[in-house]
C-alpha atoms as a PDB file:
ATOM      1  CA  UNK A   1      39.309  73.170  32.691  1.00  0.00           C
ATOM      2  CA  UNK A   2      39.651  77.223  33.429  1.00  0.00           C
ATOM      3  CA  UNK A   3      36.297  77.628  32.214  1.00  0.00           C
ATOM      4  CA  UNK A   4      32.882  77.310  33.327  1.00  0.00           C
ATOM      5  CA  UNK A   5      31.791  73.627  33.619  1.00  0.00           C
ATOM      6  CA  UNK A   6      29.392  73.306  30.792  1.00  0.00           C
ATOM      7  CA  UNK A   7      31.729  75.488  28.396  1.00  0.00           C
ATOM      8  CA  UNK A   8      33.178  72.578  26.673  1.00  0.00           C
ATOM      9  CA  UNK A   9      29.579  71.253  26.251  1.00  0.00           C
ATOM     10  CA  UNK A  10      28.088  74.810  24.852  1.00  0.00           C
ATOM     11  CA  UNK A  11      30.821  74.361  22.327  1.00  0.00           C
ATOM     12  CA  UNK A  12      29.942  71.200  21.416  1.00  0.00           C
ATOM     13  CA  UNK A  13      26.119  71.806  21.045  1.00  0.00           C
ATOM     14  CA  UNK A  14      26.775  75.018  18.748  1.00  0.00           C
ATOM     15  CA  UNK A  15      29.243  73.050  16.721  1.00  0.00           C
ATOM     16  CA  UNK A  16      26.463  70.074  16.346  1.00  0.00           C
ATOM     17  CA  UNK A  17      23.915  72.677  15.355  1.00  0.00           C
ATOM     18  CA  UNK A  18      25.985  74.257  12.763  1.00  0.00           C
ATOM     19  CA  UNK A  19      26.818  71.206  11.545  1.00  0.00           C
ATOM     20  CA  UNK A  20      23.191  70.226  11.664  1.00  0.00           C
ATOM     21  CA  UNK A  21      22.253  73.525   9.539  1.00  0.00           C
ATOM     22  CA  UNK A  22      24.880  73.285   7.041  1.00  0.00           C
ATOM     23  CA  UNK A  23      23.962  69.503   6.264  1.00  0.00           C
ATOM     24  CA  UNK A  24      20.378  70.618   5.617  1.00  0.00           C
ATOM     25  CA  UNK A  25      21.041  73.404   3.639  1.00  0.00           C
ATOM     26  CA  UNK A  26      23.159  70.746   1.762  1.00  0.00           C
ATOM     27  CA  UNK A  27      20.121  68.562   1.734  1.00  0.00           C
ATOM     28  CA  UNK A  28      18.162  70.974   0.036  1.00  0.00           C
ATOM     29  CA  UNK A  29      20.137  71.844  -2.412  1.00  0.00           C
ATOM     30  CA  UNK A  30      20.583  68.119  -3.402  1.00  0.00           C
ATOM     31  CA  UNK A  31      16.681  67.902  -3.501  1.00  0.00           C
ATOM     32  CA  UNK A  32      16.655  70.999  -5.697  1.00  0.00           C
ATOM     33  CA  UNK A  33      19.119  69.223  -8.431  1.00  0.00           C
ATOM     34  CA  UNK A  34      16.661  66.184  -8.139  1.00  0.00           C
ATOM     35  CA  UNK A  35      14.172  68.577  -9.756  1.00  0.00           C
ATOM     36  CA  UNK A  36      16.567  70.646 -11.952  1.00  0.00           C
ATOM     37  CA  UNK A  37      18.998  68.047 -13.038  1.00  0.00           C
ATOM     38  CA  UNK A  38      16.209  66.221 -15.199  1.00  0.00           C
ATOM     39  CA  UNK A  39      14.729  68.860 -16.771  1.00  0.00           C
ATOM     40  CA  UNK A  40      17.879  70.381 -18.164  1.00  0.00           C
ATOM     41  CA  UNK A  41      19.109  66.872 -19.069  1.00  0.00           C
ATOM     42  CA  UNK A  42      15.639  66.201 -21.117  1.00  0.00           C
ATOM     43  CA  UNK A  43      16.564  69.775 -22.871  1.00  0.00           C
ATOM     44  CA  UNK A  44      20.089  68.203 -23.839  1.00  0.00           C
ATOM     45  CA  UNK A  45      18.561  64.916 -24.805  1.00  0.00           C
ATOM     46  CA  UNK A  46      16.822  66.913 -27.232  1.00  0.00           C
ATOM     47  CA  UNK A  47      20.315  68.906 -28.561  1.00  0.00           C
ATOM     48  CA  UNK A  48      22.185  65.775 -28.892  1.00  0.00           C
ATOM     49  CA  UNK A  49      19.314  64.202 -30.902  1.00  0.00           C
ATOM     50  CA  UNK A  50      18.994  66.432 -33.325  1.00  0.00           C
ATOM     51  CA  UNK A  51      23.145  66.951 -33.652  1.00  0.00           C
ATOM     52  CA  UNK A  52      23.899  63.237 -33.901  1.00  0.00           C
ATOM     53  CA  UNK A  53      20.993  63.539 -36.585  1.00  0.00           C
ATOM     54  CA  UNK A  54      19.040  60.790 -34.348  1.00  0.00           C
ATOM     55  CA  UNK A  55      15.860  63.050 -35.428  1.00  0.00           C
ATOM     56  CA  UNK A  56      16.213  64.806 -39.110  1.00  0.00           C
ATOM     57  CA  UNK A  57      15.974  68.130 -38.985  1.00  0.00           C
ATOM     58  CA  UNK A  58      12.730  68.239 -41.153  1.00  0.00           C
ATOM     59  CA  UNK A  59      10.952  66.305 -37.831  1.00  0.00           C
ATOM     60  CA  UNK A  60      11.719  69.243 -35.461  1.00  0.00           C
ATOM     61  CA  UNK A  61       8.676  71.573 -36.680  1.00  0.00           C
ATOM     62  CA  UNK A  62       6.311  68.568 -36.023  1.00  0.00           C
ATOM     63  CA  UNK A  63       7.515  68.324 -32.899  1.00  0.00           C
ATOM     64  CA  UNK A  64       7.198  71.744 -32.186  1.00  0.00           C
ATOM     65  CA  UNK A  65       3.608  71.660 -33.567  1.00  0.00           C
ATOM     66  CA  UNK A  66       2.619  68.846 -31.594  1.00  0.00           C
ATOM     67  CA  UNK A  67       3.829  70.603 -28.152  1.00  0.00           C
ATOM     68  CA  UNK A  68       2.526  73.817 -29.033  1.00  0.00           C
ATOM     69  CA  UNK A  69      -0.745  72.917 -30.467  1.00  0.00           C
ATOM     70  CA  UNK A  70      -1.708  69.735 -28.625  1.00  0.00           C
ATOM     71  CA  UNK A  71       0.098  68.723 -25.653  1.00  0.00           C
ATOM     72  CA  UNK A  72       0.921  72.209 -23.877  1.00  0.00           C
ATOM     73  CA  UNK A  73      -2.647  73.799 -24.487  1.00  0.00           C
ATOM     74  CA  UNK A  74      -4.081  70.496 -22.551  1.00  0.00           C
ATOM     75  CA  UNK A  75      -1.473  70.946 -19.805  1.00  0.00           C
ATOM     76  CA  UNK A  76      -2.331  74.862 -19.134  1.00  0.00           C
ATOM     77  CA  UNK A  77      -5.943  73.813 -19.884  1.00  0.00           C
ATOM     78  CA  UNK A  78      -5.973  71.416 -17.116  1.00  0.00           C
ATOM     79  CA  UNK A  79      -3.397  73.603 -14.658  1.00  0.00           C
ATOM     80  CA  UNK A  80      -5.933  76.932 -15.240  1.00  0.00           C
ATOM     81  CA  UNK A  81      -9.033  74.635 -14.491  1.00  0.00           C
ATOM     82  CA  UNK A  82      -7.708  73.323 -11.353  1.00  0.00           C
ATOM     83  CA  UNK A  83      -7.287  76.831 -10.010  1.00  0.00           C
ATOM     84  CA  UNK A  84      -9.195  79.682  -8.479  1.00  0.00           C
ATOM     85  CA  UNK A  85      -9.811  82.239 -11.264  1.00  0.00           C
ATOM     86  CA  UNK A  86      -8.462  84.467  -8.869  1.00  0.00           C
ATOM     87  CA  UNK A  87      -5.096  83.027  -8.645  1.00  0.00           C
ATOM     88  CA  UNK A  88      -4.990  83.676 -12.658  1.00  0.00           C
ATOM     89  CA  UNK A  89      -5.881  87.272 -12.205  1.00  0.00           C
ATOM     90  CA  UNK A  90      -3.993  88.650  -9.314  1.00  0.00           C
ATOM     91  CA  UNK A  91      -3.542  92.317  -9.992  1.00  0.00           C
ATOM     92  CA  UNK A  92      -0.578  92.637  -8.110  1.00  0.00           C
ATOM     93  CA  UNK A  93       0.991  89.806 -10.372  1.00  0.00           C
ATOM     94  CA  UNK A  94      -0.058  91.296 -13.413  1.00  0.00           C
ATOM     95  CA  UNK A  95       1.684  94.723 -11.843  1.00  0.00           C
ATOM     96  CA  UNK A  96       4.960  93.611 -10.948  1.00  0.00           C
ATOM     97  CA  UNK A  97       5.427  91.624 -14.034  1.00  0.00           C
ATOM     98  CA  UNK A  98       4.290  93.489 -16.170  1.00  0.00           C
ATOM     99  CA  UNK A  99       6.190  96.216 -15.193  1.00  0.00           C
ATOM    100  CA  UNK A 100       9.166  94.360 -15.120  1.00  0.00           C
ATOM    101  CA  UNK A 101       8.662  93.213 -18.652  1.00  0.00           C
ATOM    102  CA  UNK A 102       8.554  96.775 -20.116  1.00  0.00           C
ATOM    103  CA  UNK A 103      11.235  98.001 -18.242  1.00  0.00           C
ATOM    104  CA  UNK A 104      13.602  95.318 -19.305  1.00  0.00           C
ATOM    105  CA  UNK A 105      12.286  95.501 -22.976  1.00  0.00           C
ATOM    106  CA  UNK A 106      12.533  99.405 -23.001  1.00  0.00           C
ATOM    107  CA  UNK A 107      15.975  99.672 -21.043  1.00  0.00           C
ATOM    108  CA  UNK A 108      17.536  96.782 -22.829  1.00  0.00           C
ATOM    109  CA  UNK A 109      16.842  98.551 -26.137  1.00  0.00           C
ATOM    110  CA  UNK A 110      18.575 101.500 -24.779  1.00  0.00           C
ATOM    111  CA  UNK A 111      21.490 100.189 -23.465  1.00  0.00           C
ATOM    112  CA  UNK A 112      22.080  97.500 -26.055  1.00  0.00           C
ATOM    113  CA  UNK A 113      21.255  99.795 -29.569  1.00  0.00           C
ATOM    114  CA  UNK A 114      24.266 101.144 -31.096  1.00  0.00           C
ATOM    115  CA  UNK A 115      25.780 101.893 -34.459  1.00  0.00           C
ATOM    116  CA  UNK A 116      26.207  97.929 -34.680  1.00  0.00           C
ATOM    117  CA  UNK A 117      22.826  97.097 -33.493  1.00  0.00           C
ATOM    118  CA  UNK A 118      19.871  98.882 -35.103  1.00  0.00           C
ATOM    119  CA  UNK A 119      16.472  99.050 -33.331  1.00  0.00           C
ATOM    120  CA  UNK A 120      15.295  95.850 -35.284  1.00  0.00           C
ATOM    121  CA  UNK A 121      18.021  93.733 -33.450  1.00  0.00           C
ATOM    122  CA  UNK A 122      18.059  95.615 -29.771  1.00  0.00           C
ATOM    123  CA  UNK A 123      14.477  94.956 -30.064  1.00  0.00           C
ATOM    124  CA  UNK A 124      14.889  91.126 -30.541  1.00  0.00           C
ATOM    125  CA  UNK A 125      17.592  90.948 -27.764  1.00  0.00           C
ATOM    126  CA  UNK A 126      15.391  92.660 -25.472  1.00  0.00           C
ATOM    127  CA  UNK A 127      12.942  90.126 -26.147  1.00  0.00           C
ATOM    128  CA  UNK A 128      15.539  87.709 -25.653  1.00  0.00           C
ATOM    129  CA  UNK A 129      16.095  89.316 -21.814  1.00  0.00           C
ATOM    130  CA  UNK A 130      12.319  89.986 -21.009  1.00  0.00           C
ATOM    131  CA  UNK A 131      10.921  86.857 -21.995  1.00  0.00           C
ATOM    132  CA  UNK A 132      11.732  83.666 -20.273  1.00  0.00           C
ATOM    133  CA  UNK A 133      11.100  79.990 -20.778  1.00  0.00           C
ATOM    134  CA  UNK A 134       7.868  79.816 -18.729  1.00  0.00           C
ATOM    135  CA  UNK A 135       5.562  77.341 -20.923  1.00  0.00           C
ATOM    136  CA  UNK A 136       7.737  74.723 -22.003  1.00  0.00           C
ATOM    137  CA  UNK A 137       9.636  74.845 -18.739  1.00  0.00           C
ATOM    138  CA  UNK A 138       8.811  77.120 -16.229  1.00  0.00           C
ATOM    139  CA  UNK A 139       5.140  76.068 -15.310  1.00  0.00           C
ATOM    140  CA  UNK A 140       6.094  72.297 -14.499  1.00  0.00           C
ATOM    141  CA  UNK A 141       9.113  73.028 -12.939  1.00  0.00           C
ATOM    142  CA  UNK A 142       8.272  75.677 -10.844  1.00  0.00           C
ATOM    143  CA  UNK A 143       5.217  73.462 -10.111  1.00  0.00           C
ATOM    144  CA  UNK A 144       7.513  70.460  -9.038  1.00  0.00           C
ATOM    145  CA  UNK A 145       9.639  72.545  -6.985  1.00  0.00           C
ATOM    146  CA  UNK A 146       6.736  74.925  -4.975  1.00  0.00           C
ATOM    147  CA  UNK A 147       3.889  72.776  -5.608  1.00  0.00           C
ATOM    148  CA  UNK A 148       0.801  72.985  -8.034  1.00  0.00           C
ATOM    149  CA  UNK A 149      -0.293  76.434  -6.355  1.00  0.00           C
ATOM    150  CA  UNK A 150       2.763  77.927  -8.026  1.00  0.00           C
ATOM    151  CA  UNK A 151       1.221  77.489 -11.351  1.00  0.00           C
ATOM    152  CA  UNK A 152      -1.039  80.127 -11.114  1.00  0.00           C
ATOM    153  CA  UNK A 153       1.321  83.371 -10.856  1.00  0.00           C
ATOM    154  CA  UNK A 154       3.522  81.478 -13.667  1.00  0.00           C
ATOM    155  CA  UNK A 155       0.494  81.026 -16.007  1.00  0.00           C
ATOM    156  CA  UNK A 156      -0.525  84.879 -15.304  1.00  0.00           C
ATOM    157  CA  UNK A 157       3.402  86.073 -16.465  1.00  0.00           C
ATOM    158  CA  UNK A 158       3.249  83.738 -19.389  1.00  0.00           C
ATOM    159  CA  UNK A 159      -0.149  84.993 -20.771  1.00  0.00           C
ATOM    160  CA  UNK A 160       1.352  88.531 -20.208  1.00  0.00           C
ATOM    161  CA  UNK A 161       4.440  87.816 -21.951  1.00  0.00           C
ATOM    162  CA  UNK A 162       2.650  86.378 -24.871  1.00  0.00           C
ATOM    163  CA  UNK A 163       0.157  88.988 -25.207  1.00  0.00           C
ATOM    164  CA  UNK A 164       1.856  92.155 -24.271  1.00  0.00           C
ATOM    165  CA  UNK A 165       5.731  91.678 -23.573  1.00  0.00           C
ATOM    166  CA  UNK A 166       6.498  89.753 -27.286  1.00  0.00           C
ATOM    167  CA  UNK A 167       3.658  92.171 -28.765  1.00  0.00           C
ATOM    168  CA  UNK A 168       5.894  95.396 -27.590  1.00  0.00           C
ATOM    169  CA  UNK A 169       8.968  93.895 -28.370  1.00  0.00           C
ATOM    170  CA  UNK A 170       7.805  93.011 -32.064  1.00  0.00           C
ATOM    171  CA  UNK A 171       6.186  96.725 -32.375  1.00  0.00           C
ATOM    172  CA  UNK A 172       9.615  98.137 -31.885  1.00  0.00           C
ATOM    173  CA  UNK A 173      11.291  95.752 -34.358  1.00  0.00           C
ATOM    174  CA  UNK A 174       8.910  96.550 -36.672  1.00  0.00           C
ATOM    175  CA  UNK A 175       9.078 100.429 -36.364  1.00  0.00           C
ATOM    176  CA  UNK A 176      12.726  99.853 -37.528  1.00  0.00           C
ATOM    177  CA  UNK A 177      15.593 102.539 -37.560  1.00  0.00           C
ATOM    178  CA  UNK A 178      13.536 104.625 -40.299  1.00  0.00           C
ATOM    179  CA  UNK A 179       9.986 104.444 -38.513  1.00  0.00           C
ATOM    180  CA  UNK A 180       8.210 102.603 -41.469  1.00  0.00           C
ATOM    181  CA  UNK A 181       5.664 102.082 -39.336  1.00  0.00           C
ATOM    182  CA  UNK A 182       3.985 103.974 -36.382  1.00  0.00           C
ATOM    183  CA  UNK A 183       4.551 102.205 -32.851  1.00  0.00           C
ATOM    184  CA  UNK A 184       0.959 101.835 -31.894  1.00  0.00           C
ATOM    185  CA  UNK A 185       0.022 100.087 -35.473  1.00  0.00           C
ATOM    186  CA  UNK A 186       2.983  97.886 -34.809  1.00  0.00           C
ATOM    187  CA  UNK A 187       2.032  96.943 -31.452  1.00  0.00           C
ATOM    188  CA  UNK A 188      -1.359  96.084 -32.616  1.00  0.00           C
ATOM    189  CA  UNK A 189      -0.300  93.984 -35.455  1.00  0.00           C
ATOM    190  CA  UNK A 190       1.921  92.107 -33.363  1.00  0.00           C
ATOM    191  CA  UNK A 191      -0.485  91.606 -30.704  1.00  0.00           C
ATOM    192  CA  UNK A 192      -3.220  90.248 -33.614  1.00  0.00           C
ATOM    193  CA  UNK A 193      -0.144  87.704 -34.215  1.00  0.00           C
ATOM    194  CA  UNK A 194       0.114  86.669 -30.462  1.00  0.00           C
ATOM    195  CA  UNK A 195      -3.588  86.010 -30.678  1.00  0.00           C
ATOM    196  CA  UNK A 196      -3.240  83.138 -33.108  1.00  0.00           C
ATOM    197  CA  UNK A 197      -1.174  81.309 -30.355  1.00  0.00           C
ATOM    198  CA  UNK A 198      -3.137  78.665 -28.923  1.00  0.00           C
ATOM    199  CA  UNK A 199      -1.801  78.865 -25.487  1.00  0.00           C
ATOM    200  CA  UNK A 200      -3.674  82.179 -24.442  1.00  0.00           C
ATOM    201  CA  UNK A 201      -6.676  80.168 -25.816  1.00  0.00           C
ATOM    202  CA  UNK A 202      -6.154  77.517 -23.574  1.00  0.00           C
ATOM    203  CA  UNK A 203      -5.380  79.310 -20.748  1.00  0.00           C
ATOM    204  CA  UNK A 204      -8.532  81.379 -21.269  1.00  0.00           C
ATOM    205  CA  UNK A 205     -10.548  77.843 -21.475  1.00  0.00           C
ATOM    206  CA  UNK A 206      -9.407  76.745 -18.556  1.00  0.00           C
ATOM    207  CA  UNK A 207     -10.237  79.639 -16.426  1.00  0.00           C
ATOM    208  CA  UNK A 208     -14.129  79.231 -17.768  1.00  0.00           C
ATOM    209  CA  UNK A 209     -14.137  75.557 -16.611  1.00  0.00           C
ATOM    210  CA  UNK A 210     -12.717  76.979 -13.392  1.00  0.00           C
ATOM    211  CA  UNK A 211     -15.233  79.593 -13.280  1.00  0.00           C
ATOM    212  CA  UNK A 212     -18.340  77.618 -14.401  1.00  0.00           C
ATOM    213  CA  UNK A 213     -17.195  74.094 -12.815  1.00  0.00           C
ATOM    214  CA  UNK A 214     -18.012  72.621 -16.757  1.00  0.00           C
ATOM    215  CA  UNK A 215     -14.882  70.234 -17.337  1.00  0.00           C
ATOM    216  CA  UNK A 216     -14.544  67.457 -20.109  1.00  0.00           C
ATOM    217  CA  UNK A 217     -15.509  64.085 -18.856  1.00  0.00           C
ATOM    218  CA  UNK A 218     -15.494  60.464 -20.051  1.00  0.00           C
ATOM    219  CA  UNK A 219     -12.978  59.794 -23.226  1.00  0.00           C
ATOM    220  CA  UNK A 220     -12.648  63.752 -23.812  1.00  0.00           C
ATOM    221  CA  UNK A 221     -11.500  64.070 -19.985  1.00  0.00           C
ATOM    222  CA  UNK A 222      -8.878  61.058 -21.015  1.00  0.00           C
ATOM    223  CA  UNK A 223      -7.670  62.393 -24.025  1.00  0.00           C
ATOM    224  CA  UNK A 224      -6.917  66.010 -22.493  1.00  0.00           C
ATOM    225  CA  UNK A 225      -5.177  64.182 -19.460  1.00  0.00           C
ATOM    226  CA  UNK A 226      -2.992  61.931 -22.185  1.00  0.00           C
ATOM    227  CA  UNK A 227      -1.922  65.409 -24.090  1.00  0.00           C
ATOM    228  CA  UNK A 228      -1.426  67.319 -20.672  1.00  0.00           C
ATOM    229  CA  UNK A 229       1.119  64.227 -19.361  1.00  0.00           C
ATOM    230  CA  UNK A 230       3.268  64.001 -22.436  1.00  0.00           C
ATOM    231  CA  UNK A 231       3.670  68.146 -22.568  1.00  0.00           C
ATOM    232  CA  UNK A 232       6.488  68.499 -20.193  1.00  0.00           C
ATOM    233  CA  UNK A 233       9.082  65.629 -21.291  1.00  0.00           C
ATOM    234  CA  UNK A 234       8.289  66.316 -25.117  1.00  0.00           C
ATOM    235  CA  UNK A 235       8.449  70.607 -24.696  1.00  0.00           C
ATOM    236  CA  UNK A 236      11.704  69.518 -22.994  1.00  0.00           C
ATOM    237  CA  UNK A 237      13.187  67.702 -25.386  1.00  0.00           C
ATOM    238  CA  UNK A 238      11.634  69.876 -28.227  1.00  0.00           C
ATOM    239  CA  UNK A 239      13.570  72.783 -26.588  1.00  0.00           C
ATOM    240  CA  UNK A 240      16.986  71.386 -27.418  1.00  0.00           C
ATOM    241  CA  UNK A 241      16.017  70.300 -31.097  1.00  0.00           C
ATOM    242  CA  UNK A 242      14.935  73.742 -31.306  1.00  0.00           C
ATOM    243  CA  UNK A 243      17.936  75.143 -30.254  1.00  0.00           C
ATOM    244  CA  UNK A 244      20.573  73.013 -32.072  1.00  0.00           C
ATOM    245  CA  UNK A 245      17.850  73.994 -35.510  1.00  0.00           C
ATOM    246  CA  UNK A 246      18.310  77.616 -34.674  1.00  0.00           C
ATOM    247  CA  UNK A 247      22.074  77.233 -34.331  1.00  0.00           C
ATOM    248  CA  UNK A 248      22.130  75.695 -37.676  1.00  0.00           C
ATOM    249  CA  UNK A 249      20.303  78.770 -39.271  1.00  0.00           C
ATOM    250  CA  UNK A 250      22.562  81.394 -37.616  1.00  0.00           C
ATOM    251  CA  UNK A 251      25.265  81.086 -39.882  1.00  0.00           C
ATOM    252  CA  UNK A 252      26.755  84.674 -39.316  1.00  0.00           C
ATOM    253  CA  UNK A 253      29.715  84.675 -36.435  1.00  0.00           C
ATOM    254  CA  UNK A 254      28.501  86.926 -33.614  1.00  0.00           C
ATOM    255  CA  UNK A 255      31.148  87.985 -31.472  1.00  0.00           C
ATOM    256  CA  UNK A 256      30.682  87.399 -27.588  1.00  0.00           C
ATOM    257  CA  UNK A 257      30.262  90.945 -26.414  1.00  0.00           C
ATOM    258  CA  UNK A 258      27.085  91.152 -28.655  1.00  0.00           C
ATOM    259  CA  UNK A 259      25.101  88.040 -26.766  1.00  0.00           C
ATOM    260  CA  UNK A 260      26.948  87.615 -23.550  1.00  0.00           C
ATOM    261  CA  UNK A 261      25.168  90.848 -21.766  1.00  0.00           C
ATOM    262  CA  UNK A 262      21.684  89.548 -23.181  1.00  0.00           C
ATOM    263  CA  UNK A 263      22.099  86.083 -21.535  1.00  0.00           C
ATOM    264  CA  UNK A 264      23.541  87.729 -18.044  1.00  0.00           C
ATOM    265  CA  UNK A 265      20.668  90.598 -18.435  1.00  0.00           C
ATOM    266  CA  UNK A 266      18.179  87.462 -18.537  1.00  0.00           C
ATOM    267  CA  UNK A 267      19.635  85.314 -15.790  1.00  0.00           C
ATOM    268  CA  UNK A 268      20.595  88.044 -13.179  1.00  0.00           C
ATOM    269  CA  UNK A 269      19.080  91.796 -14.058  1.00  0.00           C
ATOM    270  CA  UNK A 270      15.170  90.172 -14.582  1.00  0.00           C
ATOM    271  CA  UNK A 271      15.218  88.408 -11.493  1.00  0.00           C
ATOM    272  CA  UNK A 272      16.579  91.314  -9.511  1.00  0.00           C
ATOM    273  CA  UNK A 273      14.524  93.823 -10.889  1.00  0.00           C
ATOM    274  CA  UNK A 274      11.316  91.786 -10.193  1.00  0.00           C
ATOM    275  CA  UNK A 275      12.614  91.244  -6.738  1.00  0.00           C
ATOM    276  CA  UNK A 276      13.161  95.142  -6.345  1.00  0.00           C
ATOM    277  CA  UNK A 277       9.814  95.918  -8.017  1.00  0.00           C
ATOM    278  CA  UNK A 278       8.061  93.385  -5.631  1.00  0.00           C
ATOM    279  CA  UNK A 279       9.818  94.296  -2.351  1.00  0.00           C
ATOM    280  CA  UNK A 280       8.521  98.190  -3.277  1.00  0.00           C
ATOM    281  CA  UNK A 281       4.963  96.836  -4.266  1.00  0.00           C
ATOM    282  CA  UNK A 282       4.887  95.269  -0.681  1.00  0.00           C
ATOM    283  CA  UNK A 283       7.019  97.710   1.645  1.00  0.00           C
ATOM    284  CA  UNK A 284       6.158 100.928   0.176  1.00  0.00           C
ATOM    285  CA  UNK A 285       2.507 100.347  -1.412  1.00  0.00           C
ATOM    286  CA  UNK A 286       1.012  97.989   0.922  1.00  0.00           C
ATOM    287  CA  UNK A 287       0.328  96.025  -2.357  1.00  0.00           C
ATOM    288  CA  UNK A 288      -1.138  92.545  -0.906  1.00  0.00           C
ATOM    289  CA  UNK A 289       1.513  90.062  -2.668  1.00  0.00           C
ATOM    290  CA  UNK A 290       2.465  87.541  -0.803  1.00  0.00           C
ATOM    291  CA  UNK A 291       6.142  86.506  -0.250  1.00  0.00           C
ATOM    292  CA  UNK A 292       4.916  82.921  -2.116  1.00  0.00           C
ATOM    293  CA  UNK A 293       4.099  84.762  -5.096  1.00  0.00           C
ATOM    294  CA  UNK A 294       6.752  86.985  -5.033  1.00  0.00           C
ATOM    295  CA  UNK A 295       9.496  83.953  -4.688  1.00  0.00           C
ATOM    296  CA  UNK A 296       7.237  82.588  -7.436  1.00  0.00           C
ATOM    297  CA  UNK A 297       7.695  85.719  -9.823  1.00  0.00           C
ATOM    298  CA  UNK A 298      12.004  85.918  -8.924  1.00  0.00           C
ATOM    299  CA  UNK A 299      12.146  82.215 -10.095  1.00  0.00           C
ATOM    300  CA  UNK A 300      10.051  82.658 -13.110  1.00  0.00           C
ATOM    301  CA  UNK A 301      12.442  85.802 -14.151  1.00  0.00           C
ATOM    302  CA  UNK A 302      15.142  83.509 -13.386  1.00  0.00           C
ATOM    303  CA  UNK A 303      14.469  80.606 -16.200  1.00  0.00           C
ATOM    304  CA  UNK A 304      16.469  80.622 -19.392  1.00  0.00           C
ATOM    305  CA  UNK A 305      15.442  82.737 -22.785  1.00  0.00           C
ATOM    306  CA  UNK A 306      12.513  81.082 -24.207  1.00  0.00           C
ATOM    307  CA  UNK A 307      13.685  79.766 -27.641  1.00  0.00           C
ATOM    308  CA  UNK A 308      10.864  81.009 -29.445  1.00  0.00           C
ATOM    309  CA  UNK A 309      12.807  84.755 -29.440  1.00  0.00           C
ATOM    310  CA  UNK A 310      15.343  83.057 -32.006  1.00  0.00           C
ATOM    311  CA  UNK A 311      12.280  81.592 -34.171  1.00  0.00           C
ATOM    312  CA  UNK A 312      10.786  85.199 -34.304  1.00  0.00           C
ATOM    313  CA  UNK A 313      13.705  86.850 -35.066  1.00  0.00           C
ATOM    314  CA  UNK A 314      14.493  84.573 -38.182  1.00  0.00           C
ATOM    315  CA  UNK A 315      10.982  85.220 -39.349  1.00  0.00           C
ATOM    316  CA  UNK A 316      11.525  88.939 -38.804  1.00  0.00           C
ATOM    317  CA  UNK A 317      14.854  89.058 -40.647  1.00  0.00           C
ATOM    318  CA  UNK A 318      16.506  90.386 -37.482  1.00  0.00           C
ATOM    319  CA  UNK A 319      20.173  89.115 -36.108  1.00  0.00           C
ATOM    320  CA  UNK A 320      19.370  85.331 -35.855  1.00  0.00           C
ATOM    321  CA  UNK A 321      22.764  84.469 -34.793  1.00  0.00           C
ATOM    322  CA  UNK A 322      22.971  86.730 -32.143  1.00  0.00           C
ATOM    323  CA  UNK A 323      19.382  85.865 -30.284  1.00  0.00           C
ATOM    324  CA  UNK A 324      20.210  82.323 -30.689  1.00  0.00           C
ATOM    325  CA  UNK A 325      23.574  82.235 -29.096  1.00  0.00           C
ATOM    326  CA  UNK A 326      22.176  84.392 -26.249  1.00  0.00           C
ATOM    327  CA  UNK A 327      19.299  81.779 -26.081  1.00  0.00           C
ATOM    328  CA  UNK A 328      21.434  78.780 -25.986  1.00  0.00           C
ATOM    329  CA  UNK A 329      23.851  80.494 -23.546  1.00  0.00           C
ATOM    330  CA  UNK A 330      21.380  81.354 -21.223  1.00  0.00           C
ATOM    331  CA  UNK A 331      20.173  77.933 -21.244  1.00  0.00           C
ATOM    332  CA  UNK A 332      23.205  76.530 -20.144  1.00  0.00           C
ATOM    333  CA  UNK A 333      24.015  78.919 -17.667  1.00  0.00           C
ATOM    334  CA  UNK A 334      20.657  78.883 -15.957  1.00  0.00           C
ATOM    335  CA  UNK A 335      21.272  75.446 -14.918  1.00  0.00           C
ATOM    336  CA  UNK A 336      23.171  76.600 -12.065  1.00  0.00           C
ATOM    337  CA  UNK A 337      21.905  80.165 -11.837  1.00  0.00           C
ATOM    338  CA  UNK A 338      18.770  78.969 -11.334  1.00  0.00           C
ATOM    339  CA  UNK A 339      19.387  76.149  -8.841  1.00  0.00           C
ATOM    340  CA  UNK A 340      21.265  78.492  -7.069  1.00  0.00           C
ATOM    341  CA  UNK A 341      18.878  81.113  -6.600  1.00  0.00           C
ATOM    342  CA  UNK A 342      16.109  78.291  -5.793  1.00  0.00           C
ATOM    343  CA  UNK A 343      18.178  77.329  -2.961  1.00  0.00           C
ATOM    344  CA  UNK A 344      18.675  81.099  -1.466  1.00  0.00           C
ATOM    345  CA  UNK A 345      14.663  81.319  -2.050  1.00  0.00           C
ATOM    346  CA  UNK A 346      14.692  77.949   0.032  1.00  0.00           C
ATOM    347  CA  UNK A 347      12.769  76.152  -2.392  1.00  0.00           C
ATOM    348  CA  UNK A 348      12.293  72.485  -2.720  1.00  0.00           C
ATOM    349  CA  UNK A 349      10.881  69.275  -4.327  1.00  0.00           C
ATOM    350  CA  UNK A 350       7.129  69.378  -3.553  1.00  0.00           C
END
């Protein structure tokens, strides 16, 4: 009555726009949960199945072998074969991810090493913070959230972590507090071990198929497709069983202050570091890193720690209790932190 005639109408329009914007944000979060809930729920199913003895502990290594040597290589091969080689050998993506990985490893070792935590345990703790679960969880989940083109950068990060990040961390662990092995010899020994993993070879085979146009046909193609289709649910289920088994073999009581920082570094510091390096590469160096690829890298860094870290810690005689608890805690917390970051990044089911 005292203002312009259209004032009330303008207010209603602005309020309506705000309401619609808020509704759109809520809808996008619901869509993100429609992807993340099934992924993390399958991990929980595997954990509960092992805990309740529905799956005997002796069967868990068999599940892991099926995923690692059959299903997951076929899935990675198919992704690699369907993508241009340039998407798998993007030098900017490689530089940003590798730089972040090395900073995470050496930075975490420097921050966490103490009289209570020797170099070996600090190195495996660093592997927990620098190696996300891109293989079993990241490739399919990010492809579901961002589209099939997200698989290229994620596979690149997986290849770097399998060959370099894990080799550097294990190499540091093998050097030991007394310097039993030289650093170069330790890293080379670790790299030889990494090359026994079938996943890098599956990715390489996919790149060859993409470059040459030669693909399996007939029954061979059907077998590869069937194994690839089984990879995601079985891999997620297996993560849960492996985490339960690792917990059973971690008999020592580990104070919260020894493993909580590892989970927080993984879920908070790692994605922030990748984002910072990507921003610097784009704005200061003029690197041709697309916003899409940077989003993929940040979300990949926000994934929980790879369960491989606990298996390797057990194999090399490190403090497996600390590593396992960090991996489990990061997996539990990542449901919230990853979903929130995906929402902030504007991701959504494709």
